């Protein structure tokens, strides 16, 4: 069985897989474009999900399974994969710890004004009159109550925050003080001091937030998006910030990545940009590899209990 990787994992990982799965022919490439004729022979493709298109799927005549070593699927040719009845799995869930810690760091950065303090220190200024805020007692609204949202909620509770959530059912979840349905989104937004989106990119969530949603937020609210950049049009957020409808935005994801050098965000004092790295730690690949290994065992044993099998009707 040929397994084609569209990236180069560490040598120790390659050696481990070769020893653990001797019946598999592992082939590693720097991008799918360099795979050449091997693509037509691959039964399994392991990818980060950003390099596969319909042309590749058509050429991969033996393809039965795509293992996506990330959570995002918005760039995948899902329609064709569904038509060809190809199994898709991803590594959803491994991002909970790093992304929750990232969000907590951003909230603390804002509340304690670390950038302003460090700027003064760098300039040799001894300034003790910087008014910090506390997270305790603040309302934290999380859009998306899955694994990542739940871990953010757990950390929020540890800091004595009032944790609110949004999901499709409105059903209460662990670590959340209150849960709202999407139908009540505007009301929930009006209660929050910090609004965190971890929503994936789906037909429903694309463009979900409009001008009216930012107008519902407190003028002191902080908005953090670590989900997907197509949740709203950037022009909508720019207008909301320019009109002082919210206080600050931390953005790790964008409509177009990399973010264009001429984009207004770069020059906005009320926007903090990070380059889509909230999930990136040294534990990322080992956690991804562990899911791949378990799914490969299931695949070789004709199993059906795959970790994170994608429902291609729903797109996640």
C-alpha atoms as a PDB file:
ATOM      1  CA  UNK A   1       0.000   0.000   0.000  1.00  0.00           C
ATOM      2  CA  UNK A   2       1.471   3.330  -1.085  1.00  0.00           C
ATOM      3  CA  UNK A   3       1.093   6.250   1.316  1.00  0.00           C
ATOM      4  CA  UNK A   4       2.036   9.620  -0.148  1.00  0.00           C
ATOM      5  CA  UNK A   5       2.985  12.549   2.082  1.00  0.00           C
ATOM      6  CA  UNK A   6       2.889  16.056   0.613  1.00  0.00           C
ATOM      7  CA  UNK A   7       5.334  17.295   3.260  1.00  0.00           C
ATOM      8  CA  UNK A   8       8.532  16.100   4.923  1.00  0.00           C
ATOM      9  CA  UNK A   9       8.130  14.961   8.550  1.00  0.00           C
ATOM     10  CA  UNK A  10      11.216  14.505  10.747  1.00  0.00           C
ATOM     11  CA  UNK A  11      13.473  11.538   9.944  1.00  0.00           C
ATOM     12  CA  UNK A  12      12.757   9.870  13.285  1.00  0.00           C
ATOM     13  CA  UNK A  13       9.043   9.850  12.435  1.00  0.00           C
ATOM     14  CA  UNK A  14       9.720   8.293   9.035  1.00  0.00           C
ATOM     15  CA  UNK A  15      11.830   5.566  10.642  1.00  0.00           C
ATOM     16  CA  UNK A  16       9.184   4.887  13.280  1.00  0.00           C
ATOM     17  CA  UNK A  17       6.441   4.446  10.667  1.00  0.00           C
ATOM     18  CA  UNK A  18       8.600   2.232   8.459  1.00  0.00           C
ATOM     19  CA  UNK A  19       9.248  -0.080  11.417  1.00  0.00           C
ATOM     20  CA  UNK A  20       5.667  -0.058  12.722  1.00  0.00           C
ATOM     21  CA  UNK A  21       3.990  -0.536   9.334  1.00  0.00           C
ATOM     22  CA  UNK A  22       6.317  -2.696   7.187  1.00  0.00           C
ATOM     23  CA  UNK A  23       3.531  -3.472   4.696  1.00  0.00           C
ATOM     24  CA  UNK A  24       3.273   0.209   3.771  1.00  0.00           C
ATOM     25  CA  UNK A  25       5.347   2.009   1.164  1.00  0.00           C
ATOM     26  CA  UNK A  26       5.786   5.520   2.575  1.00  0.00           C
ATOM     27  CA  UNK A  27       6.721   8.190   0.052  1.00  0.00           C
ATOM     28  CA  UNK A  28       7.562  11.734   1.110  1.00  0.00           C
ATOM     29  CA  UNK A  29       7.544  14.823  -1.118  1.00  0.00           C
ATOM     30  CA  UNK A  30       7.975  18.570  -0.763  1.00  0.00           C
ATOM     31  CA  UNK A  31       4.505  19.435  -2.017  1.00  0.00           C
ATOM     32  CA  UNK A  32       2.112  17.409  -4.118  1.00  0.00           C
ATOM     33  CA  UNK A  33       3.421  18.953  -7.339  1.00  0.00           C
ATOM     34  CA  UNK A  34       6.664  17.024  -6.930  1.00  0.00           C
ATOM     35  CA  UNK A  35       4.924  13.647  -6.474  1.00  0.00           C
ATOM     36  CA  UNK A  36       4.813  12.980 -10.217  1.00  0.00           C
ATOM     37  CA  UNK A  37       3.680   9.483 -11.206  1.00  0.00           C
ATOM     38  CA  UNK A  38       3.492   8.392  -7.567  1.00  0.00           C
ATOM     39  CA  UNK A  39       0.218  10.288  -7.246  1.00  0.00           C
ATOM     40  CA  UNK A  40      -1.561   7.825  -9.540  1.00  0.00           C
ATOM     41  CA  UNK A  41      -0.428   4.913  -7.361  1.00  0.00           C
ATOM     42  CA  UNK A  42      -1.183   6.383  -3.939  1.00  0.00           C
ATOM     43  CA  UNK A  43      -3.901   4.695  -1.911  1.00  0.00           C
ATOM     44  CA  UNK A  44      -3.478   7.174   0.942  1.00  0.00           C
ATOM     45  CA  UNK A  45      -2.498  10.848   0.833  1.00  0.00           C
ATOM     46  CA  UNK A  46      -1.322  12.641   3.978  1.00  0.00           C
ATOM     47  CA  UNK A  47      -1.523  16.419   3.633  1.00  0.00           C
ATOM     48  CA  UNK A  48      -2.047  19.651   5.538  1.00  0.00           C
ATOM     49  CA  UNK A  49      -5.109  20.190   3.350  1.00  0.00           C
ATOM     50  CA  UNK A  50      -3.941  23.226   1.401  1.00  0.00           C
ATOM     51  CA  UNK A  51      -2.458  21.592  -1.700  1.00  0.00           C
ATOM     52  CA  UNK A  52      -5.070  19.134  -3.004  1.00  0.00           C
ATOM     53  CA  UNK A  53      -7.342  20.129  -5.859  1.00  0.00           C
ATOM     54  CA  UNK A  54      -9.749  18.325  -8.187  1.00  0.00           C
ATOM     55  CA  UNK A  55      -7.033  17.702 -10.772  1.00  0.00           C
ATOM     56  CA  UNK A  56      -4.944  15.853  -8.197  1.00  0.00           C
ATOM     57  CA  UNK A  57      -7.907  13.742  -7.118  1.00  0.00           C
ATOM     58  CA  UNK A  58      -8.594  12.748 -10.721  1.00  0.00           C
ATOM     59  CA  UNK A  59      -4.965  11.702 -11.176  1.00  0.00           C
ATOM     60  CA  UNK A  60      -4.954   9.712  -7.922  1.00  0.00           C
ATOM     61  CA  UNK A  61      -6.691   6.694  -9.425  1.00  0.00           C
ATOM     62  CA  UNK A  62      -6.029   4.408  -6.451  1.00  0.00           C
ATOM     63  CA  UNK A  63      -6.915   6.945  -3.760  1.00  0.00           C
ATOM     64  CA  UNK A  64      -9.101   5.644  -0.930  1.00  0.00           C
ATOM     65  CA  UNK A  65      -8.220   7.827   2.058  1.00  0.00           C
ATOM     66  CA  UNK A  66      -6.986  11.379   2.689  1.00  0.00           C
ATOM     67  CA  UNK A  67      -5.509  12.107   6.107  1.00  0.00           C
ATOM     68  CA  UNK A  68      -5.523  15.866   6.744  1.00  0.00           C
ATOM     69  CA  UNK A  69      -2.957  16.869   9.363  1.00  0.00           C
ATOM     70  CA  UNK A  70      -4.904  19.992  10.306  1.00  0.00           C
ATOM     71  CA  UNK A  71      -8.495  20.827  11.218  1.00  0.00           C
ATOM     72  CA  UNK A  72      -9.384  23.169   8.349  1.00  0.00           C
ATOM     73  CA  UNK A  73     -10.998  21.670   5.249  1.00  0.00           C
ATOM     74  CA  UNK A  74     -12.152  24.792   3.414  1.00  0.00           C
ATOM     75  CA  UNK A  75      -9.489  24.412   0.705  1.00  0.00           C
ATOM     76  CA  UNK A  76     -10.215  20.730   0.105  1.00  0.00           C
ATOM     77  CA  UNK A  77     -12.172  19.562  -3.001  1.00  0.00           C
ATOM     78  CA  UNK A  78     -14.864  18.050  -0.789  1.00  0.00           C
ATOM     79  CA  UNK A  79     -17.476  17.681  -3.513  1.00  0.00           C
ATOM     80  CA  UNK A  80     -15.263  15.472  -5.667  1.00  0.00           C
ATOM     81  CA  UNK A  81     -14.003  13.525  -2.668  1.00  0.00           C
ATOM     82  CA  UNK A  82     -17.598  12.811  -1.726  1.00  0.00           C
ATOM     83  CA  UNK A  83     -18.474  11.723  -5.265  1.00  0.00           C
ATOM     84  CA  UNK A  84     -15.554   9.286  -5.255  1.00  0.00           C
ATOM     85  CA  UNK A  85     -16.492   8.048  -1.747  1.00  0.00           C
ATOM     86  CA  UNK A  86     -13.016   8.738  -0.414  1.00  0.00           C
ATOM     87  CA  UNK A  87     -12.505   8.571   3.344  1.00  0.00           C
ATOM     88  CA  UNK A  88     -11.413  11.880   4.901  1.00  0.00           C
ATOM     89  CA  UNK A  89     -10.059  12.239   8.422  1.00  0.00           C
ATOM     90  CA  UNK A  90      -8.403  15.170  10.165  1.00  0.00           C
ATOM     91  CA  UNK A  91      -6.775  16.055  13.473  1.00  0.00           C
ATOM     92  CA  UNK A  92      -9.599  18.028  15.032  1.00  0.00           C
ATOM     93  CA  UNK A  93      -9.139  18.239  18.793  1.00  0.00           C
ATOM     94  CA  UNK A  94      -5.354  18.519  18.965  1.00  0.00           C
ATOM     95  CA  UNK A  95      -5.600  22.307  18.877  1.00  0.00           C
ATOM     96  CA  UNK A  96      -7.532  22.710  22.121  1.00  0.00           C
ATOM     97  CA  UNK A  97      -4.600  23.214  24.502  1.00  0.00           C
ATOM     98  CA  UNK A  98      -2.407  25.552  22.401  1.00  0.00           C
ATOM     99  CA  UNK A  99      -5.288  27.648  21.084  1.00  0.00           C
ATOM    100  CA  UNK A 100      -6.915  28.031  24.499  1.00  0.00           C
ATOM    101  CA  UNK A 101      -3.585  29.108  25.989  1.00  0.00           C
ATOM    102  CA  UNK A 102      -3.148  31.535  23.090  1.00  0.00           C
ATOM    103  CA  UNK A 103      -6.545  33.132  23.772  1.00  0.00           C
ATOM    104  CA  UNK A 104      -5.802  33.418  27.470  1.00  0.00           C
ATOM    105  CA  UNK A 105      -2.501  35.098  26.629  1.00  0.00           C
ATOM    106  CA  UNK A 106      -4.257  37.651  24.418  1.00  0.00           C
ATOM    107  CA  UNK A 107      -6.842  38.461  27.080  1.00  0.00           C
ATOM    108  CA  UNK A 108      -4.130  38.899  29.702  1.00  0.00           C
ATOM    109  CA  UNK A 109      -2.072  40.998  27.295  1.00  0.00           C
ATOM    110  CA  UNK A 110      -5.024  43.333  26.817  1.00  0.00           C
ATOM    111  CA  UNK A 111      -6.160  43.433  30.449  1.00  0.00           C
ATOM    112  CA  UNK A 112      -2.698  43.942  31.925  1.00  0.00           C
ATOM    113  CA  UNK A 113      -1.485  46.203  29.080  1.00  0.00           C
ATOM    114  CA  UNK A 114       1.773  44.319  28.647  1.00  0.00           C
ATOM    115  CA  UNK A 115       2.662  45.951  25.287  1.00  0.00           C
ATOM    116  CA  UNK A 116       2.367  49.429  26.800  1.00  0.00           C
ATOM    117  CA  UNK A 117       4.416  48.414  29.833  1.00  0.00           C
ATOM    118  CA  UNK A 118       7.149  46.867  27.679  1.00  0.00           C
ATOM    119  CA  UNK A 119       7.231  49.933  25.435  1.00  0.00           C
ATOM    120  CA  UNK A 120       7.858  52.127  28.478  1.00  0.00           C
ATOM    121  CA  UNK A 121      10.543  49.759  29.767  1.00  0.00           C
ATOM    122  CA  UNK A 122      12.292  49.728  26.379  1.00  0.00           C
ATOM    123  CA  UNK A 123      12.380  53.540  26.506  1.00  0.00           C
ATOM    124  CA  UNK A 124      13.670  53.605  30.076  1.00  0.00           C
ATOM    125  CA  UNK A 125      10.417  55.043  31.436  1.00  0.00           C
ATOM    126  CA  UNK A 126       9.328  54.210  35.007  1.00  0.00           C
ATOM    127  CA  UNK A 127       5.562  54.594  34.750  1.00  0.00           C
ATOM    128  CA  UNK A 128       3.337  53.053  37.436  1.00  0.00           C
ATOM    129  CA  UNK A 129       0.089  54.788  36.483  1.00  0.00           C
ATOM    130  CA  UNK A 130      -0.997  52.297  33.822  1.00  0.00           C
ATOM    131  CA  UNK A 131      -4.495  51.140  34.830  1.00  0.00           C
ATOM    132  CA  UNK A 132      -4.708  47.376  34.437  1.00  0.00           C
ATOM    133  CA  UNK A 133      -7.924  45.380  34.282  1.00  0.00           C
ATOM    134  CA  UNK A 134      -8.940  42.045  35.806  1.00  0.00           C
ATOM    135  CA  UNK A 135     -10.383  39.051  33.987  1.00  0.00           C
ATOM    136  CA  UNK A 136     -12.285  37.960  37.095  1.00  0.00           C
ATOM    137  CA  UNK A 137     -15.959  38.850  36.797  1.00  0.00           C
ATOM    138  CA  UNK A 138     -15.731  39.634  33.082  1.00  0.00           C
ATOM    139  CA  UNK A 139     -18.130  37.977  30.633  1.00  0.00           C
ATOM    140  CA  UNK A 140     -16.407  35.692  28.133  1.00  0.00           C
ATOM    141  CA  UNK A 141     -18.501  34.660  25.114  1.00  0.00           C
ATOM    142  CA  UNK A 142     -17.219  31.745  23.027  1.00  0.00           C
ATOM    143  CA  UNK A 143     -18.637  31.151  19.555  1.00  0.00           C
ATOM    144  CA  UNK A 144     -18.193  27.428  19.061  1.00  0.00           C
ATOM    145  CA  UNK A 145     -18.420  25.085  22.036  1.00  0.00           C
ATOM    146  CA  UNK A 146     -16.384  22.175  20.679  1.00  0.00           C
ATOM    147  CA  UNK A 147     -13.037  20.936  21.971  1.00  0.00           C
ATOM    148  CA  UNK A 148     -11.248  24.276  21.586  1.00  0.00           C
ATOM    149  CA  UNK A 149     -14.135  26.332  22.926  1.00  0.00           C
ATOM    150  CA  UNK A 150     -14.527  24.022  25.912  1.00  0.00           C
ATOM    151  CA  UNK A 151     -10.849  24.337  26.825  1.00  0.00           C
ATOM    152  CA  UNK A 152     -11.046  28.132  26.547  1.00  0.00           C
ATOM    153  CA  UNK A 153     -14.093  27.977  28.821  1.00  0.00           C
ATOM    154  CA  UNK A 154     -12.210  25.849  31.366  1.00  0.00           C
ATOM    155  CA  UNK A 155      -9.353  28.337  31.527  1.00  0.00           C
ATOM    156  CA  UNK A 156     -11.811  31.221  31.693  1.00  0.00           C
ATOM    157  CA  UNK A 157     -13.492  29.636  34.712  1.00  0.00           C
ATOM    158  CA  UNK A 158     -10.086  29.244  36.358  1.00  0.00           C
ATOM    159  CA  UNK A 159      -9.754  33.028  36.086  1.00  0.00           C
ATOM    160  CA  UNK A 160     -13.237  33.472  37.600  1.00  0.00           C
ATOM    161  CA  UNK A 161     -14.810  34.724  34.383  1.00  0.00           C
ATOM    162  CA  UNK A 162     -18.505  34.375  33.577  1.00  0.00           C
ATOM    163  CA  UNK A 163     -18.375  32.022  30.594  1.00  0.00           C
ATOM    164  CA  UNK A 164     -21.090  32.129  27.940  1.00  0.00           C
ATOM    165  CA  UNK A 165     -21.269  29.963  24.841  1.00  0.00           C
ATOM    166  CA  UNK A 166     -22.997  29.667  21.495  1.00  0.00           C
ATOM    167  CA  UNK A 167     -23.849  26.353  19.859  1.00  0.00           C
ATOM    168  CA  UNK A 168     -26.508  25.039  17.501  1.00  0.00           C
ATOM    169  CA  UNK A 169     -28.705  23.460  20.171  1.00  0.00           C
ATOM    170  CA  UNK A 170     -28.279  25.798  23.132  1.00  0.00           C
ATOM    171  CA  UNK A 171     -27.657  22.712  25.260  1.00  0.00           C
ATOM    172  CA  UNK A 172     -25.520  23.353  28.346  1.00  0.00           C
ATOM    173  CA  UNK A 173     -21.913  22.174  28.175  1.00  0.00           C
ATOM    174  CA  UNK A 174     -19.253  21.629  30.826  1.00  0.00           C
ATOM    175  CA  UNK A 175     -17.363  24.760  31.980  1.00  0.00           C
ATOM    176  CA  UNK A 176     -19.988  27.118  30.517  1.00  0.00           C
ATOM    177  CA  UNK A 177     -22.204  29.144  32.848  1.00  0.00           C
ATOM    178  CA  UNK A 178     -24.762  29.797  30.106  1.00  0.00           C
ATOM    179  CA  UNK A 179     -25.319  28.506  26.592  1.00  0.00           C
ATOM    180  CA  UNK A 180     -27.210  30.231  23.787  1.00  0.00           C
ATOM    181  CA  UNK A 181     -28.491  29.026  20.448  1.00  0.00           C
ATOM    182  CA  UNK A 182     -27.337  30.775  17.289  1.00  0.00           C
ATOM    183  CA  UNK A 183     -30.790  32.368  17.066  1.00  0.00           C
ATOM    184  CA  UNK A 184     -29.891  34.375  20.185  1.00  0.00           C
ATOM    185  CA  UNK A 185     -26.452  35.462  18.962  1.00  0.00           C
ATOM    186  CA  UNK A 186     -27.122  39.197  19.028  1.00  0.00           C
ATOM    187  CA  UNK A 187     -28.377  39.101  22.609  1.00  0.00           C
ATOM    188  CA  UNK A 188     -25.355  37.102  23.757  1.00  0.00           C
ATOM    189  CA  UNK A 189     -22.941  39.479  22.024  1.00  0.00           C
ATOM    190  CA  UNK A 190     -24.370  42.379  23.996  1.00  0.00           C
ATOM    191  CA  UNK A 191     -23.470  40.726  27.311  1.00  0.00           C
ATOM    192  CA  UNK A 192     -19.831  39.955  26.547  1.00  0.00           C
ATOM    193  CA  UNK A 193     -16.635  41.742  27.514  1.00  0.00           C
ATOM    194  CA  UNK A 194     -14.557  39.315  25.433  1.00  0.00           C
ATOM    195  CA  UNK A 195     -15.932  37.637  22.295  1.00  0.00           C
ATOM    196  CA  UNK A 196     -13.929  34.662  21.038  1.00  0.00           C
ATOM    197  CA  UNK A 197     -14.662  32.903  17.748  1.00  0.00           C
ATOM    198  CA  UNK A 198     -13.350  29.403  17.132  1.00  0.00           C
ATOM    199  CA  UNK A 199     -15.947  28.627  14.464  1.00  0.00           C
ATOM    200  CA  UNK A 200     -14.879  26.555  11.446  1.00  0.00           C
ATOM    201  CA  UNK A 201     -15.495  27.617   7.870  1.00  0.00           C
ATOM    202  CA  UNK A 202     -18.790  26.127   6.663  1.00  0.00           C
ATOM    203  CA  UNK A 203     -21.617  27.237   4.407  1.00  0.00           C
ATOM    204  CA  UNK A 204     -23.408  28.447   7.544  1.00  0.00           C
ATOM    205  CA  UNK A 205     -20.552  30.317   9.221  1.00  0.00           C
ATOM    206  CA  UNK A 206     -19.116  32.103   6.178  1.00  0.00           C
ATOM    207  CA  UNK A 207     -20.166  35.737   6.530  1.00  0.00           C
ATOM    208  CA  UNK A 208     -22.080  34.945   9.727  1.00  0.00           C
ATOM    209  CA  UNK A 209     -21.082  38.172  11.483  1.00  0.00           C
ATOM    210  CA  UNK A 210     -22.320  41.361   9.880  1.00  0.00           C
ATOM    211  CA  UNK A 211     -22.320  45.034  10.740  1.00  0.00           C
ATOM    212  CA  UNK A 212     -25.276  44.594  13.077  1.00  0.00           C
ATOM    213  CA  UNK A 213     -23.424  42.034  15.204  1.00  0.00           C
ATOM    214  CA  UNK A 214     -20.511  44.338  15.994  1.00  0.00           C
ATOM    215  CA  UNK A 215     -23.013  47.095  16.767  1.00  0.00           C
ATOM    216  CA  UNK A 216     -24.573  44.752  19.346  1.00  0.00           C
ATOM    217  CA  UNK A 217     -21.306  44.446  21.248  1.00  0.00           C
ATOM    218  CA  UNK A 218     -20.246  46.664  24.119  1.00  0.00           C
ATOM    219  CA  UNK A 219     -18.054  49.582  23.089  1.00  0.00           C
ATOM    220  CA  UNK A 220     -15.521  48.197  25.578  1.00  0.00           C
ATOM    221  CA  UNK A 221     -15.635  44.676  24.091  1.00  0.00           C
ATOM    222  CA  UNK A 222     -12.575  42.835  22.817  1.00  0.00           C
ATOM    223  CA  UNK A 223     -13.050  40.562  19.792  1.00  0.00           C
ATOM    224  CA  UNK A 224     -10.699  37.626  19.171  1.00  0.00           C
ATOM    225  CA  UNK A 225     -10.877  35.483  16.035  1.00  0.00           C
ATOM    226  CA  UNK A 226      -8.820  32.285  15.954  1.00  0.00           C
ATOM    227  CA  UNK A 227     -11.362  30.276  13.937  1.00  0.00           C
ATOM    228  CA  UNK A 228     -11.558  31.179  10.272  1.00  0.00           C
ATOM    229  CA  UNK A 229     -11.115  34.493   8.473  1.00  0.00           C
ATOM    230  CA  UNK A 230     -14.266  34.250   6.364  1.00  0.00           C
ATOM    231  CA  UNK A 231     -16.532  34.664   9.409  1.00  0.00           C
ATOM    232  CA  UNK A 232     -17.025  38.328   8.410  1.00  0.00           C
ATOM    233  CA  UNK A 233     -15.924  40.812   5.786  1.00  0.00           C
ATOM    234  CA  UNK A 234     -12.861  42.739   6.910  1.00  0.00           C
ATOM    235  CA  UNK A 235     -14.510  45.987   5.812  1.00  0.00           C
ATOM    236  CA  UNK A 236     -17.211  45.362   8.414  1.00  0.00           C
ATOM    237  CA  UNK A 237     -14.683  45.041  11.244  1.00  0.00           C
ATOM    238  CA  UNK A 238     -12.644  48.023  10.053  1.00  0.00           C
ATOM    239  CA  UNK A 239     -15.786  50.161  10.121  1.00  0.00           C
ATOM    240  CA  UNK A 240     -16.757  48.896  13.576  1.00  0.00           C
ATOM    241  CA  UNK A 241     -13.334  49.797  14.972  1.00  0.00           C
ATOM    242  CA  UNK A 242     -13.219  53.183  13.270  1.00  0.00           C
ATOM    243  CA  UNK A 243     -16.666  53.966  14.703  1.00  0.00           C
ATOM    244  CA  UNK A 244     -15.545  52.862  18.196  1.00  0.00           C
ATOM    245  CA  UNK A 245     -18.231  50.180  18.278  1.00  0.00           C
ATOM    246  CA  UNK A 246     -15.747  47.812  19.953  1.00  0.00           C
ATOM    247  CA  UNK A 247     -12.470  48.476  21.760  1.00  0.00           C
ATOM    248  CA  UNK A 248      -9.984  46.080  20.168  1.00  0.00           C
ATOM    249  CA  UNK A 249      -9.636  43.101  17.833  1.00  0.00           C
ATOM    250  CA  UNK A 250      -7.063  40.315  17.964  1.00  0.00           C
ATOM    251  CA  UNK A 251      -6.955  38.500  14.621  1.00  0.00           C
ATOM    252  CA  UNK A 252      -5.067  35.301  13.897  1.00  0.00           C
ATOM    253  CA  UNK A 253      -6.999  34.361  10.731  1.00  0.00           C
ATOM    254  CA  UNK A 254      -7.973  36.365   7.665  1.00  0.00           C
ATOM    255  CA  UNK A 255     -10.053  36.246   4.488  1.00  0.00           C
ATOM    256  CA  UNK A 256      -6.857  36.078   2.438  1.00  0.00           C
ATOM    257  CA  UNK A 257      -3.604  34.706   3.818  1.00  0.00           C
ATOM    258  CA  UNK A 258      -0.953  35.960   4.009  1.00  0.00           C
ATOM    259  CA  UNK A 259      -2.614  39.249   4.862  1.00  0.00           C
ATOM    260  CA  UNK A 260      -1.981  41.788   2.102  1.00  0.00           C
ATOM    261  CA  UNK A 261       0.697  44.338   2.990  1.00  0.00           C
ATOM    262  CA  UNK A 262      -1.679  47.181   2.064  1.00  0.00           C
ATOM    263  CA  UNK A 263      -4.527  45.975   4.273  1.00  0.00           C
ATOM    264  CA  UNK A 264      -5.852  48.610   6.726  1.00  0.00           C
ATOM    265  CA  UNK A 265      -5.386  46.240   9.679  1.00  0.00           C
ATOM    266  CA  UNK A 266      -1.619  46.777   9.627  1.00  0.00           C
ATOM    267  CA  UNK A 267      -1.966  50.445  10.540  1.00  0.00           C
ATOM    268  CA  UNK A 268      -4.836  50.227  13.015  1.00  0.00           C
ATOM    269  CA  UNK A 269      -3.935  50.790  16.656  1.00  0.00           C
ATOM    270  CA  UNK A 270      -6.999  48.825  17.745  1.00  0.00           C
ATOM    271  CA  UNK A 271      -6.010  45.698  15.811  1.00  0.00           C
ATOM    272  CA  UNK A 272      -3.406  43.146  16.859  1.00  0.00           C
ATOM    273  CA  UNK A 273      -2.355  40.774  14.070  1.00  0.00           C
ATOM    274  CA  UNK A 274      -0.799  37.329  14.425  1.00  0.00           C
ATOM    275  CA  UNK A 275       0.016  35.173  11.355  1.00  0.00           C
ATOM    276  CA  UNK A 276      -2.323  32.189  11.846  1.00  0.00           C
ATOM    277  CA  UNK A 277      -0.184  30.494  14.467  1.00  0.00           C
ATOM    278  CA  UNK A 278      -2.470  30.083  17.479  1.00  0.00           C
ATOM    279  CA  UNK A 279      -2.280  26.280  17.194  1.00  0.00           C
ATOM    280  CA  UNK A 280       1.433  26.052  16.419  1.00  0.00           C
ATOM    281  CA  UNK A 281       3.599  24.550  19.142  1.00  0.00           C
ATOM    282  CA  UNK A 282       6.259  21.852  19.135  1.00  0.00           C
ATOM    283  CA  UNK A 283       3.549  19.352  20.129  1.00  0.00           C
ATOM    284  CA  UNK A 284       1.537  19.894  16.931  1.00  0.00           C
ATOM    285  CA  UNK A 285       3.112  17.258  14.709  1.00  0.00           C
ATOM    286  CA  UNK A 286       3.449  14.531  17.385  1.00  0.00           C
ATOM    287  CA  UNK A 287      -0.243  14.897  18.240  1.00  0.00           C
ATOM    288  CA  UNK A 288      -1.198  14.837  14.552  1.00  0.00           C
ATOM    289  CA  UNK A 289       0.987  11.795  13.955  1.00  0.00           C
ATOM    290  CA  UNK A 290      -0.644   9.896  16.812  1.00  0.00           C
ATOM    291  CA  UNK A 291      -4.064  10.281  15.182  1.00  0.00           C
ATOM    292  CA  UNK A 292      -2.666   9.254  11.792  1.00  0.00           C
ATOM    293  CA  UNK A 293      -1.110   6.131  13.307  1.00  0.00           C
ATOM    294  CA  UNK A 294      -4.344   5.047  15.006  1.00  0.00           C
ATOM    295  CA  UNK A 295      -6.345   5.647  11.848  1.00  0.00           C
ATOM    296  CA  UNK A 296      -3.806   3.755   9.752  1.00  0.00           C
ATOM    297  CA  UNK A 297      -4.185   0.752  12.065  1.00  0.00           C
ATOM    298  CA  UNK A 298      -7.959   0.920  11.610  1.00  0.00           C
ATOM    299  CA  UNK A 299      -7.620   1.295   7.845  1.00  0.00           C
ATOM    300  CA  UNK A 300      -5.316  -1.713   7.524  1.00  0.00           C
ATOM    301  CA  UNK A 301      -7.694  -3.815   9.620  1.00  0.00           C
ATOM    302  CA  UNK A 302     -10.706  -2.766   7.535  1.00  0.00           C
ATOM    303  CA  UNK A 303     -11.991  -0.901  10.569  1.00  0.00           C
ATOM    304  CA  UNK A 304     -14.705   1.722  10.727  1.00  0.00           C
ATOM    305  CA  UNK A 305     -13.879   3.421  14.017  1.00  0.00           C
ATOM    306  CA  UNK A 306     -11.723   6.200  12.643  1.00  0.00           C
ATOM    307  CA  UNK A 307     -10.751   9.209  14.709  1.00  0.00           C
ATOM    308  CA  UNK A 308     -12.275  12.381  13.247  1.00  0.00           C
ATOM    309  CA  UNK A 309     -13.937  10.892  10.179  1.00  0.00           C
ATOM    310  CA  UNK A 310     -15.387  13.810   8.204  1.00  0.00           C
ATOM    311  CA  UNK A 311     -19.073  13.972   7.335  1.00  0.00           C
ATOM    312  CA  UNK A 312     -18.803  15.226   3.766  1.00  0.00           C
ATOM    313  CA  UNK A 313     -22.431  16.354   3.783  1.00  0.00           C
ATOM    314  CA  UNK A 314     -21.690  18.812   6.581  1.00  0.00           C
ATOM    315  CA  UNK A 315     -18.088  19.545   5.691  1.00  0.00           C
ATOM    316  CA  UNK A 316     -16.709  18.810   9.170  1.00  0.00           C
END
